[in-house]
Amino acid sequence: SVYFTWNGTVTKMYNFILRLNSKILRGGEKTMKRSLKLLDQMEYWRKRSEGAIAQPDAFTFGLILKTISNSGVHSSAAYAEDILKRMVESGVKPRERHYLGVMRAYSRVGQKDVEDPEKVEAILQRVKEIYKANKSVKPTAAIYTACISAYGGSRRYNSVPKVMELFEEIKKLYEETGEKDFRPDGMLYGAVLGAISKAKSKDDSSLRQALQLLDTMETSHDEGEIESGPNRYAYTNLLHAISQSRIAGGTLLAEGLVQRMDNRSRQMNDESIRPDTHAYTTLIQIFSGSGQPDAVQRAQKWFRQMENQYEEGDSLSKPNKVTYTALINCWRRSDREDAGEEADKILTMMESKAKDGDLDLRPDAFVYASVIDTWARSNSREKAVRAWNIYQRMKQQYSNGNMESRPNNVIITSTIKACGYTRGGREDKHKALKVLLECMAELKTKKYITPTPLTYRALLNAAQALVIDDSKRRPISATIFETCCRKGQLDNTVLESLQKVQPELYVKLPESIPSKWKQNVVEERP
C-alpha cells in the first residue's frame, strides 16, 4: 500500500509529467497520446479510490490542451473538443485558457493555413453566450486575438471584413465595461495587422488598411492606451505584404517602414523593434521585384547598412544567404551592363566567407542559379563562358561536400540559354558552341541532372542561334532530338522547336509519336 499525506499529491505528480509534455513544441501524435493516456490513468485511479486521489483539476486539463494544440496533427481539434467535454463531466468548469487551448488546436493543425476559422469563431460565440448568461467566463482580448489570428491564418479573400468586425467588437466591449480583460493590447493589434497583411486581396485596399492600423497602434501606445506597441513581427508582416502586392510606391512604403522601425527603436530605446536580418532582406527582395531603374543602388545602400551594423556588433543585422540571393536578384533584373560582373563578385564574396568559416553563407543552388541567369540576361559576349565557369564552381562546391550546391536541370538549362543568347562575332559564337557541347555531354554523364522538355527546347534553339550552316547544325539537332526521345521527354514544345530549327528532320517523324518518347514528361499544373 502507498499512503499520501495530502490527497492532491498524486494529481500534482501527474501534472508535473503533463507539464513536461506541454513544453514540447510540435510534439506530434506520440506526445499528445502520451498525455491522453496519463489522463486515462488519473481517471482510473480516481474511480478506484472513489475520488480520494488523482482528481484531474483545471491545471491538468489546461496542460493537456496545450500539448494537443502543440501537436499539429489533423485530429488535434477533435481531441481538444473531447477534453473540454471530459472537463465538464469531471465537474471542472472550463476557464478562458481552456477555450483558448481548443481554439489554438484548430489554428495549428498541420502548422499551415487554418482550414476552419469558422469553428474557432464558434468557440468564441460559445464563450460570449456563457458570459451573457452568467459571466462565469469572459470573451477576453486574448480569445478575440486567437479568433482573429485564425482568420488571418486562413489567408482568405473575404477575411478582412470579419477581422475588422471582431476587432471593433472587442473595442466596443472594453468601452462599455472598462474591464481590463477586454482592453485591446499589443497582441490583439498585432494579430489584426498580421491578418490583414496575410489576407488575399484583389487590390491594395487591405494593405492600406493595415498601414492605417499601424499608425493607430503606434499612437495608442504613445498615448498610454495600450501597454505594448507594434513589435518587429508587425512591421515585417507589413513588409512581406508589400512584397506580395502591386501597390504603387511599394519601395518607398517599404523603406519608410524600415526607417520607422529604426527611428522608434532609437527613440524608445527598444531593441526588440529594431530592423533585423529578416526586415532588411524583405526590403531588398521588394527592390528586386520592383523593376525600378534605381532599385539596385537603393538595395545596395541598405545592404551596406546591414553590413555596417553587423560589424559594429549588431548580430541581428547579419546578412544571410537569402539576403545575398535577394541582392543578386536585384542585379539580375537590373538590365545593367555590369550586372553579371557584380553578381559574380557577390558570389565570390559568399564563397570566400564560407571558406573562412562562415558556413551559413555557403552558396546553394538558388544562389548559383541566380548568378548564371544574370550572365544569361547580360549583353556580355562572354556570357556563355562565364556562366559555364560558375557552373564549374558549383560542381566543385558539391564535390567538396556542399550538398546544397548540387547542380540540377534548372542550372544547366540557364547555362544553355546563355549560349543561345550570345551575340557577337564568329569567335564569340564558337566559344559559346563549345560550352553548348559541354552542356550536352554533361546531360549524358551526370545522373543528378534530370533534363526536361524545356532543357531540350533550349538546346535546339541555342544550336540554331550558334550554327548558321544548316548542314553543320543538322547532326547536332538530330543528337539533341534523339536524346530527348530516348529520355522520354518529348512534348509539343520540343516538336515545335524541331519544326522551326530543323524542318527537314521534322517532316520525317512518324504520324503517330511512340508513347515511350514522351513517357517521362511531367504535365505542368494549370
Protein backbone atom coordinates (compact mmCIF):
# COMPACT_ATOMS: atom_id res chain seq x y z
CA SER A 1 0.00 0.00 0.00
CA VAL A 2 1.07 3.56 -0.67
CA TYR A 3 -0.09 6.37 1.60
CA PHE A 4 -0.19 10.07 0.73
CA THR A 5 -0.11 12.79 3.33
CA TRP A 6 -2.24 15.01 1.05
CA ASN A 7 -4.90 13.92 -1.40
CA GLY A 8 -3.61 16.33 -4.07
CA THR A 9 -0.14 14.74 -4.15
CA VAL A 10 -1.00 12.24 -6.92
CA THR A 11 -2.60 14.95 -9.05
CA LYS A 12 0.49 17.08 -8.57
CA MET A 13 2.72 14.18 -9.68
CA TYR A 14 0.71 13.67 -12.86
CA ASN A 15 0.62 17.40 -13.54
CA PHE A 16 4.41 17.53 -13.32
CA ILE A 17 4.74 14.96 -16.13
CA LEU A 18 1.95 16.59 -18.14
CA ARG A 19 3.75 19.91 -17.85
CA LEU A 20 6.88 18.40 -19.37
CA ASN A 21 4.83 17.10 -22.32
CA SER A 22 3.20 20.52 -22.79
CA LYS A 23 6.61 22.16 -23.30
CA ILE A 24 7.37 20.04 -26.38
CA LEU A 25 6.61 22.17 -29.44
CA ARG A 26 5.28 20.20 -32.39
CA GLY A 27 5.33 17.10 -30.24
CA GLY A 28 3.18 15.23 -32.73
CA GLU A 29 0.71 12.45 -32.15
CA LYS A 30 3.02 10.46 -29.89
CA THR A 31 3.33 13.21 -27.24
CA MET A 32 -0.37 14.04 -27.46
CA LYS A 33 -1.47 10.43 -26.93
CA ARG A 34 1.01 10.05 -24.10
CA SER A 35 -0.73 12.88 -22.26
CA LEU A 36 -4.18 11.45 -23.04
CA LYS A 37 -3.07 8.11 -21.65
CA LEU A 38 -1.94 9.81 -18.43
CA LEU A 39 -5.39 11.38 -18.13
CA ASP A 40 -6.98 7.94 -18.55
CA GLN A 41 -4.75 6.66 -15.75
CA MET A 42 -5.77 9.53 -13.49
CA GLU A 43 -9.45 8.85 -14.07
CA TYR A 44 -8.89 5.14 -13.41
CA TRP A 45 -7.26 5.82 -10.03
CA ARG A 46 -9.84 8.46 -9.18
CA LYS A 47 -12.60 5.91 -9.65
CA ARG A 48 -10.67 3.17 -7.83
CA SER A 49 -10.12 5.49 -4.85
CA GLU A 50 -13.69 6.83 -5.03
CA GLY A 51 -12.37 10.30 -5.70
CA ALA A 52 -9.74 10.30 -2.95
CA ILE A 53 -6.71 10.64 -5.24
CA ALA A 54 -5.71 11.55 -8.82
CA GLN A 55 -8.55 14.02 -9.32
CA PRO A 56 -7.82 15.96 -12.57
CA ASP A 57 -8.03 19.68 -11.95
CA ALA A 58 -8.20 22.78 -14.14
CA PHE A 59 -4.41 22.83 -14.39
CA THR A 60 -4.40 19.20 -15.59
CA PHE A 61 -6.80 19.89 -18.42
CA GLY A 62 -5.01 23.12 -19.35
CA LEU A 63 -1.71 21.28 -19.76
CA ILE A 64 -3.30 18.55 -21.88
CA LEU A 65 -4.98 21.12 -24.12
CA LYS A 66 -1.65 22.89 -24.58
CA THR A 67 0.01 19.59 -25.57
CA ILE A 68 -2.80 18.87 -28.03
CA SER A 69 -2.59 22.32 -29.63
CA ASN A 70 1.20 21.96 -29.93
CA SER A 71 0.92 18.58 -31.65
CA GLY A 72 -0.08 19.93 -35.07
CA VAL A 73 -1.84 16.68 -36.04
CA HIS A 74 -5.08 16.87 -38.03
CA SER A 75 -7.10 15.15 -35.31
CA SER A 76 -5.96 17.56 -32.58
CA ALA A 77 -9.06 19.81 -32.71
CA ALA A 78 -11.37 16.81 -32.19
CA TYR A 79 -9.26 15.66 -29.24
CA ALA A 80 -9.33 19.18 -27.78
CA GLU A 81 -13.13 19.33 -28.04
CA ASP A 82 -13.32 15.95 -26.31
CA ILE A 83 -11.10 17.17 -23.46
CA LEU A 84 -13.43 20.14 -22.94
CA LYS A 85 -16.34 17.71 -22.68
CA ARG A 86 -14.47 15.50 -20.20
CA MET A 87 -13.72 18.54 -18.07
CA VAL A 88 -17.40 19.26 -17.65
CA GLU A 89 -18.12 15.58 -16.90
CA SER A 90 -15.39 15.65 -14.23
CA GLY A 91 -17.01 18.61 -12.53
CA VAL A 92 -14.25 21.05 -13.57
CA LYS A 93 -15.53 24.27 -15.13
CA PRO A 94 -13.61 25.32 -18.26
CA ARG A 95 -11.99 28.70 -17.96
CA GLU A 96 -10.78 31.16 -20.60
CA ARG A 97 -7.43 29.40 -21.04
CA HIS A 98 -9.16 26.09 -21.78
CA TYR A 99 -11.26 27.60 -24.55
CA LEU A 100 -8.09 29.23 -25.87
CA GLY A 101 -6.44 25.80 -25.97
CA VAL A 102 -9.22 24.43 -28.16
CA MET A 103 -9.09 27.45 -30.47
CA ARG A 104 -5.35 27.06 -30.89
CA ALA A 105 -5.78 23.36 -31.68
CA TYR A 106 -7.91 24.33 -34.67
CA SER A 107 -5.43 27.02 -35.72
CA ARG A 108 -2.31 24.89 -35.54
CA VAL A 109 -3.47 21.83 -37.49
CA GLY A 110 -0.53 20.89 -39.71
CA GLN A 111 1.13 24.22 -38.78
CA LYS A 112 -0.13 25.60 -42.14
CA ASP A 113 -3.12 27.60 -43.30
CA VAL A 114 -6.08 27.40 -40.90
CA GLU A 115 -8.74 25.26 -42.54
CA ASP A 116 -11.78 26.12 -40.39
CA PRO A 117 -11.64 29.62 -38.87
CA GLU A 118 -15.44 29.46 -38.50
CA LYS A 119 -15.03 26.66 -35.95
CA VAL A 120 -12.66 28.87 -33.98
CA GLU A 121 -15.21 31.66 -34.10
CA ALA A 122 -17.90 29.19 -32.91
CA ILE A 123 -15.88 28.70 -29.70
CA LEU A 124 -15.72 32.48 -29.27
CA GLN A 125 -19.51 32.60 -29.69
CA ARG A 126 -19.88 29.86 -27.05
CA VAL A 127 -17.82 31.90 -24.59
CA LYS A 128 -19.86 35.02 -25.38
CA GLU A 129 -23.09 33.16 -24.66
CA ILE A 130 -21.77 31.93 -21.30
CA TYR A 131 -20.64 35.46 -20.44
CA LYS A 132 -24.05 36.84 -21.36
CA ALA A 133 -25.81 34.17 -19.25
CA ASN A 134 -23.76 34.20 -16.02
CA LYS A 135 -20.41 35.98 -16.63
CA SER A 136 -18.50 32.93 -15.34
CA VAL A 137 -16.23 33.09 -18.39
CA LYS A 138 -15.19 36.20 -20.30
CA PRO A 139 -14.56 36.65 -24.03
CA THR A 140 -11.22 38.27 -23.29
CA ALA A 141 -8.95 40.17 -25.63
CA ALA A 142 -6.79 37.03 -25.77
CA ILE A 143 -9.73 34.94 -27.02
CA TYR A 144 -10.57 37.54 -29.67
CA THR A 145 -6.89 37.60 -30.63
CA ALA A 146 -6.92 33.82 -31.17
CA CYS A 147 -10.02 34.08 -33.35
CA ILE A 148 -8.60 36.93 -35.43
CA SER A 149 -5.32 35.02 -35.83
CA ALA A 150 -7.28 32.03 -37.14
CA TYR A 151 -8.92 34.15 -39.84
CA GLY A 152 -5.52 35.66 -40.65
CA GLY A 153 -4.03 32.19 -40.93
CA SER A 154 -6.74 31.12 -43.36
CA ARG A 155 -5.48 33.62 -46.00
CA ARG A 156 -8.94 34.02 -47.50
CA TYR A 157 -10.08 36.80 -49.80
CA ASN A 158 -13.04 37.66 -47.53
CA SER A 159 -11.26 37.54 -44.18
CA VAL A 160 -10.56 41.26 -43.68
CA PRO A 161 -14.19 42.36 -43.05
CA LYS A 162 -14.57 39.58 -40.47
CA VAL A 163 -11.28 40.51 -38.80
CA MET A 164 -12.31 44.16 -38.53
CA GLU A 165 -15.77 43.17 -37.25
CA LEU A 166 -14.20 41.18 -34.41
CA PHE A 167 -11.69 43.95 -33.70
CA GLU A 168 -14.44 46.57 -33.40
CA GLU A 169 -16.48 44.19 -31.25
CA ILE A 170 -13.82 43.79 -28.56
CA LYS A 171 -13.06 47.52 -28.62
CA LYS A 172 -16.74 48.26 -28.02
CA LEU A 173 -16.88 45.69 -25.22
CA TYR A 174 -13.98 47.43 -23.49
CA GLU A 175 -15.53 50.88 -23.97
CA GLU A 176 -18.82 49.67 -22.43
CA THR A 177 -17.36 47.80 -19.45
CA GLY A 178 -13.93 49.30 -18.80
CA GLU A 179 -12.74 45.84 -17.70
CA LYS A 180 -9.04 45.26 -18.25
CA ASP A 181 -9.65 41.73 -19.60
CA PHE A 182 -11.29 43.32 -22.64
CA ARG A 183 -8.69 46.01 -23.12
CA PRO A 184 -7.11 45.87 -26.60
CA ASP A 185 -3.41 45.13 -26.22
CA GLY A 186 -0.36 44.83 -28.42
CA MET A 187 -1.07 41.17 -29.14
CA LEU A 188 -4.56 42.00 -30.42
CA TYR A 189 -3.33 44.82 -32.64
CA GLY A 190 -0.53 42.60 -33.89
CA ALA A 191 -2.98 39.82 -34.75
CA VAL A 192 -5.20 42.26 -36.66
CA LEU A 193 -2.20 43.66 -38.53
CA GLY A 194 -0.96 40.16 -39.33
CA ALA A 195 -4.40 39.01 -40.51
CA ILE A 196 -4.86 41.99 -42.81
CA SER A 197 -1.31 41.68 -44.14
CA LYS A 198 -1.74 37.99 -44.95
CA ALA A 199 -5.22 38.29 -46.47
CA LYS A 200 -5.55 37.63 -50.18
CA SER A 201 -6.79 40.75 -51.90
CA LYS A 202 -7.51 41.72 -55.49
CA ASP A 203 -6.30 45.27 -54.84
CA ASP A 204 -4.19 47.13 -52.28
CA SER A 205 -7.10 48.15 -50.01
CA SER A 206 -6.27 45.57 -47.32
CA LEU A 207 -2.65 46.66 -47.20
CA ARG A 208 -3.57 50.33 -46.90
CA GLN A 209 -5.97 49.44 -44.10
CA ALA A 210 -3.14 47.63 -42.30
CA LEU A 211 -0.86 50.65 -42.66
CA GLN A 212 -3.55 52.89 -41.14
CA LEU A 213 -3.96 50.45 -38.27
CA LEU A 214 -0.21 50.56 -37.66
CA ASP A 215 -0.49 54.35 -37.26
CA THR A 216 -3.33 53.85 -34.78
CA MET A 217 -1.39 51.24 -32.85
CA GLU A 218 1.69 53.45 -32.53
CA THR A 219 -0.45 56.41 -31.41
CA SER A 220 -2.41 54.29 -28.89
CA HIS A 221 0.84 53.06 -27.40
CA ASP A 222 2.44 56.51 -27.30
CA GLU A 223 -0.65 57.91 -25.53
CA GLY A 224 -0.72 55.07 -22.99
CA GLU A 225 -3.91 53.40 -24.22
CA ILE A 226 -2.15 50.08 -24.80
CA GLU A 227 0.91 48.77 -22.97
CA SER A 228 2.68 47.26 -25.99
CA GLY A 229 3.23 48.99 -29.30
CA PRO A 230 3.86 47.28 -32.61
CA ASN A 231 6.60 44.67 -32.37
CA ARG A 232 9.10 43.66 -35.02
CA TYR A 233 6.75 40.93 -36.24
CA ALA A 234 4.03 43.51 -37.02
CA TYR A 235 6.37 45.60 -39.17
CA THR A 236 7.90 42.65 -41.01
CA ASN A 237 4.42 41.26 -41.70
CA LEU A 238 3.60 44.51 -43.47
CA LEU A 239 6.89 44.40 -45.35
CA HIS A 240 6.05 40.90 -46.55
CA ALA A 241 2.57 42.08 -47.60
CA ILE A 242 4.15 44.90 -49.65
CA SER A 243 6.48 42.38 -51.31
CA GLN A 244 3.45 40.33 -52.37
CA SER A 245 1.42 43.30 -53.60
CA ARG A 246 1.42 45.57 -56.62
CA ILE A 247 0.85 48.69 -54.56
CA ALA A 248 2.02 51.93 -56.16
CA GLY A 249 5.15 53.28 -54.49
CA GLY A 250 5.79 49.97 -52.74
CA THR A 251 9.55 50.52 -52.44
CA LEU A 252 9.07 53.91 -50.79
CA LEU A 253 6.50 52.45 -48.38
CA ALA A 254 8.87 49.61 -47.52
CA GLU A 255 11.84 51.94 -46.98
CA GLY A 256 9.64 54.13 -44.80
CA LEU A 257 8.61 51.16 -42.65
CA VAL A 258 12.20 50.04 -42.08
CA GLN A 259 13.27 53.59 -41.27
CA ARG A 260 10.27 53.88 -38.96
CA MET A 261 11.32 50.74 -37.10
CA ASP A 262 14.82 52.09 -36.65
CA ASN A 263 13.62 55.54 -35.51
CA ARG A 264 11.15 54.14 -32.95
CA SER A 265 13.75 51.71 -31.69
CA ARG A 266 16.16 54.57 -31.00
CA GLN A 267 13.53 56.97 -29.59
CA MET A 268 12.12 54.36 -27.21
CA ASN A 269 15.43 52.61 -26.55
CA ASP A 270 13.72 49.36 -27.55
CA GLU A 271 15.94 46.88 -29.39
CA SER A 272 13.00 44.50 -29.91
CA ILE A 273 11.66 46.59 -32.79
CA ARG A 274 14.98 47.44 -34.40
CA PRO A 275 15.19 46.22 -38.04
CA ASP A 276 16.76 42.76 -38.20
CA THR A 277 18.03 40.47 -40.95
CA HIS A 278 14.51 39.44 -41.94
CA ALA A 279 13.30 43.04 -42.24
CA TYR A 280 16.28 44.18 -44.30
CA THR A 281 16.16 41.09 -46.51
CA THR A 282 12.46 41.55 -47.23
CA LEU A 283 13.17 45.17 -48.17
CA ILE A 284 15.88 44.09 -50.63
CA GLN A 285 13.51 41.48 -52.07
CA ILE A 286 10.97 44.26 -52.65
CA PHE A 287 13.60 46.19 -54.60
CA SER A 288 14.47 43.12 -56.67
CA GLY A 289 10.89 42.76 -57.84
CA SER A 290 10.13 46.44 -58.31
CA GLY A 291 11.50 46.90 -61.82
CA GLN A 292 12.63 50.42 -60.92
CA PRO A 293 15.80 51.72 -62.62
CA ASP A 294 17.45 52.71 -59.32
CA ALA A 295 16.42 49.55 -57.43
CA VAL A 296 19.88 48.01 -57.32
CA GLN A 297 21.55 51.19 -56.00
CA ARG A 298 18.95 51.54 -53.24
CA ALA A 299 19.19 47.86 -52.37
CA GLN A 300 22.98 48.10 -52.10
CA LYS A 301 22.65 51.10 -49.78
CA TRP A 302 20.52 49.07 -47.34
CA PHE A 303 22.79 46.04 -47.72
CA ARG A 304 25.80 48.17 -46.74
CA GLN A 305 23.86 49.46 -43.74
CA MET A 306 23.24 45.87 -42.68
CA GLU A 307 26.94 45.05 -43.00
CA ASN A 308 27.99 48.16 -41.08
CA GLN A 309 25.58 47.47 -38.23
CA TYR A 310 26.75 43.85 -38.03
CA GLU A 311 30.40 44.90 -37.98
CA GLU A 312 29.57 47.34 -35.17
CA GLY A 313 28.23 44.48 -33.06
CA ASP A 314 24.56 44.19 -34.04
CA SER A 315 24.29 40.43 -34.58
CA LEU A 316 20.61 40.71 -35.58
CA SER A 317 21.59 42.62 -38.73
CA LYS A 318 23.91 39.99 -40.20
CA PRO A 319 23.19 39.43 -43.92
CA ASN A 320 22.33 35.78 -44.54
CA LYS A 321 22.18 33.60 -47.63
CA VAL A 322 18.69 34.83 -48.50
CA THR A 323 19.90 38.44 -48.26
CA TYR A 324 22.78 37.83 -50.67
CA THR A 325 20.44 36.00 -53.07
CA ALA A 326 18.00 38.92 -52.99
CA LEU A 327 20.83 41.35 -53.80
CA ILE A 328 21.98 39.15 -56.68
CA ASN A 329 18.42 39.12 -57.99
CA CYS A 330 18.43 42.93 -57.94
CA TRP A 331 21.40 42.84 -60.30
CA ARG A 332 19.81 40.04 -62.34
CA ARG A 333 16.77 42.21 -63.08
CA SER A 334 18.62 45.49 -63.40
CA ASP A 335 19.50 45.38 -67.15
CA ARG A 336 22.82 46.97 -66.20
CA GLU A 337 25.87 46.34 -68.39
CA ASP A 338 27.89 45.30 -65.34
CA ALA A 339 25.16 43.07 -63.83
CA GLY A 340 27.00 39.80 -64.50
CA GLU A 341 30.27 41.07 -63.04
CA GLU A 342 28.57 42.46 -59.93
CA ALA A 343 26.55 39.29 -59.31
CA ASP A 344 29.77 37.29 -59.74
CA LYS A 345 31.51 39.49 -57.14
CA ILE A 346 28.73 38.83 -54.62
CA LEU A 347 29.01 35.08 -55.22
CA THR A 348 32.79 35.25 -54.79
CA MET A 349 32.30 37.12 -51.51
CA MET A 350 29.96 34.39 -50.26
CA GLU A 351 32.37 31.62 -51.26
CA SER A 352 35.23 33.44 -49.54
CA LYS A 353 33.30 33.98 -46.30
CA ALA A 354 32.19 30.35 -46.28
CA LYS A 355 35.79 29.21 -46.83
CA ASP A 356 36.84 31.37 -43.87
CA GLY A 357 34.39 29.53 -41.61
CA ASP A 358 31.01 31.22 -42.04
CA LEU A 359 29.23 28.07 -43.22
CA ASP A 360 25.84 29.78 -43.12
CA LEU A 361 26.91 31.65 -46.26
CA ARG A 362 27.82 28.60 -48.32
CA PRO A 363 26.15 29.27 -51.68
CA ASP A 364 23.30 26.93 -52.57
CA ALA A 365 21.67 26.02 -55.89
CA PHE A 366 19.43 29.10 -55.77
CA VAL A 367 22.44 31.43 -55.49
CA TYR A 368 24.30 29.80 -58.37
CA ALA A 369 21.14 29.74 -60.49
CA SER A 370 20.64 33.47 -59.97
CA VAL A 371 24.23 34.33 -60.93
CA ILE A 372 24.15 32.12 -64.04
CA ASP A 373 20.83 33.65 -65.09
CA THR A 374 22.31 37.12 -64.53
CA TRP A 375 25.05 36.28 -67.01
CA ALA A 376 22.48 34.78 -69.42
CA ARG A 377 20.47 38.03 -69.36
CA SER A 378 23.53 40.24 -69.79
CA ASN A 379 24.90 41.71 -73.04
CA SER A 380 28.36 40.31 -72.43
CA ARG A 381 29.90 38.47 -75.36
CA GLU A 382 31.48 36.11 -72.84
CA LYS A 383 28.19 35.24 -71.11
CA ALA A 384 28.31 31.55 -72.08
CA VAL A 385 31.88 31.07 -70.87
CA ARG A 386 31.24 32.99 -67.66
CA ALA A 387 28.04 31.02 -66.96
CA TRP A 388 29.94 27.76 -67.57
CA ASN A 389 32.66 28.86 -65.15
CA ILE A 390 30.03 29.49 -62.48
CA TYR A 391 28.62 26.04 -63.18
CA GLN A 392 32.09 24.51 -62.70
CA ARG A 393 32.48 26.34 -59.37
CA MET A 394 29.10 24.97 -58.32
CA LYS A 395 30.17 21.41 -59.16
CA GLN A 396 33.39 21.90 -57.20
CA GLN A 397 31.41 23.07 -54.17
CA TYR A 398 29.22 19.97 -54.46
CA SER A 399 32.28 17.71 -54.76
CA ASN A 400 33.73 19.35 -51.63
CA GLY A 401 30.68 18.38 -49.59
CA ASN A 402 28.30 21.32 -50.04
CA MET A 403 25.16 19.26 -50.69
CA GLU A 404 23.05 22.39 -51.15
CA SER A 405 25.00 23.30 -54.30
CA ARG A 406 24.06 20.16 -56.21
CA PRO A 407 23.59 21.05 -59.90
CA ASN A 408 20.15 20.48 -61.42
CA ASN A 409 18.24 20.82 -64.68
CA VAL A 410 17.35 24.47 -63.97
CA ILE A 411 21.05 25.37 -63.67
CA ILE A 412 22.13 23.54 -66.81
CA THR A 413 19.18 24.98 -68.77
CA SER A 414 20.16 28.52 -67.74
CA THR A 415 23.70 27.83 -68.92
CA ILE A 416 22.34 26.55 -72.25
CA LYS A 417 20.26 29.73 -72.61
CA ALA A 418 23.39 31.80 -72.01
CA CYS A 419 24.89 30.02 -75.01
CA GLY A 420 21.85 30.68 -77.18
CA TYR A 421 21.67 34.34 -76.20
CA THR A 422 25.31 35.01 -77.09
CA ARG A 423 25.79 37.85 -79.55
CA GLY A 424 28.99 38.92 -81.24
CA GLY A 425 31.41 37.69 -83.86
CA ARG A 426 32.35 34.23 -85.11
CA GLU A 427 34.87 33.71 -82.31
CA ASP A 428 32.32 34.61 -79.62
CA LYS A 429 29.78 32.17 -81.03
CA HIS A 430 32.42 29.47 -81.43
CA LYS A 431 33.22 29.74 -77.71
CA ALA A 432 29.53 29.58 -76.88
CA LEU A 433 29.12 26.49 -79.09
CA LYS A 434 31.93 24.75 -77.22
CA VAL A 435 30.07 25.44 -73.98
CA LEU A 436 26.84 24.14 -75.52
CA LEU A 437 28.55 20.86 -76.47
CA GLU A 438 29.96 20.63 -72.94
CA CYS A 439 26.41 21.02 -71.60
CA MET A 440 25.21 18.20 -73.88
CA ALA A 441 27.97 15.97 -72.56
CA GLU A 442 27.07 16.93 -69.02
CA LEU A 443 23.46 15.81 -69.58
CA LYS A 444 24.70 12.39 -70.68
CA THR A 445 27.16 11.78 -67.85
CA LYS A 446 25.69 13.40 -64.71
CA LYS A 447 22.97 11.31 -63.09
CA TYR A 448 21.95 14.08 -60.69
CA ILE A 449 20.66 16.19 -63.59
CA THR A 450 17.21 15.22 -64.89
CA PRO A 451 16.53 17.19 -68.09
CA THR A 452 13.01 18.27 -69.00
CA PRO A 453 11.41 19.25 -72.34
CA LEU A 454 12.47 22.82 -71.55
CA THR A 455 16.13 21.69 -71.50
CA TYR A 456 15.92 20.08 -74.94
CA ARG A 457 13.96 23.01 -76.36
CA ALA A 458 16.69 25.38 -75.11
CA LEU A 459 19.36 23.14 -76.70
CA LEU A 460 17.63 23.19 -80.10
CA ASN A 461 17.13 26.95 -80.01
CA ALA A 462 20.74 27.54 -78.92
CA ALA A 463 22.04 25.33 -81.73
CA GLN A 464 20.05 27.37 -84.26
CA ALA A 465 21.41 30.64 -82.86
CA LEU A 466 25.05 29.49 -82.89
CA VAL A 467 25.34 27.38 -86.05
CA ILE A 468 24.16 29.21 -89.14
CA ASP A 469 25.19 26.49 -91.63
CA ASP A 470 22.23 24.11 -91.81
CA SER A 471 24.32 21.11 -92.82
CA LYS A 472 26.64 21.55 -89.82
CA ARG A 473 23.75 22.14 -87.42
CA ARG A 474 21.70 19.12 -88.56
CA PRO A 475 23.76 16.42 -86.76
CA ILE A 476 23.75 18.49 -83.54
CA SER A 477 19.97 18.93 -83.72
CA ALA A 478 19.49 15.25 -84.51
CA THR A 479 21.56 14.23 -81.49
CA ILE A 480 19.57 16.57 -79.22
CA PHE A 481 16.25 15.26 -80.52
CA GLU A 482 17.27 11.59 -80.33
CA THR A 483 18.45 12.05 -76.73
CA CYS A 484 15.17 13.77 -75.86
CA CYS A 485 13.14 10.87 -77.28
CA ARG A 486 15.36 8.27 -75.60
CA LYS A 487 14.83 10.01 -72.25
CA GLY A 488 11.05 10.08 -72.81
CA GLN A 489 10.92 13.89 -72.59
CA LEU A 490 9.30 14.74 -75.93
CA ASP A 491 6.35 17.14 -75.79
CA ASN A 492 4.67 19.55 -78.20
CA THR A 493 7.04 22.41 -77.36
CA VAL A 494 10.07 20.33 -78.37
CA LEU A 495 8.31 19.29 -81.59
CA GLU A 496 7.58 22.94 -82.38
CA SER A 497 11.24 23.84 -81.81
CA LEU A 498 12.39 20.98 -84.07
CA GLN A 499 9.99 22.11 -86.82
CA LYS A 500 11.41 25.63 -86.60
CA VAL A 501 15.09 24.70 -86.24
CA GLN A 502 15.31 21.61 -88.47
CA PRO A 503 12.15 21.27 -90.61
CA GLU A 504 13.72 18.56 -92.81
CA LEU A 505 14.03 16.32 -89.72
CA TYR A 506 10.54 17.19 -88.51
CA VAL A 507 8.86 16.01 -91.73
CA LYS A 508 10.47 12.57 -91.35
CA LEU A 509 8.76 11.92 -87.98
CA PRO A 510 6.08 9.22 -87.80
CA GLU A 511 2.47 10.42 -87.87
CA SER A 512 1.85 8.79 -84.50
CA ILE A 513 4.54 9.61 -81.93
CA PRO A 514 5.55 6.48 -79.96
CA SER A 515 4.39 6.71 -76.35
CA LYS A 516 7.83 5.81 -74.98
CA TRP A 517 9.24 9.03 -76.50
CA LYS A 518 7.06 11.06 -74.13
CA GLN A 519 6.59 8.65 -71.22
CA ASN A 520 8.56 10.71 -68.66
CA VAL A 521 7.03 14.12 -69.38
CA VAL A 522 5.55 15.66 -66.24
CA GLU A 523 2.45 17.69 -67.03
CA GLU A 524 2.59 21.21 -65.64
CA ARG A 525 -0.16 22.21 -63.23
CA PRO A 526 -2.61 24.80 -64.61
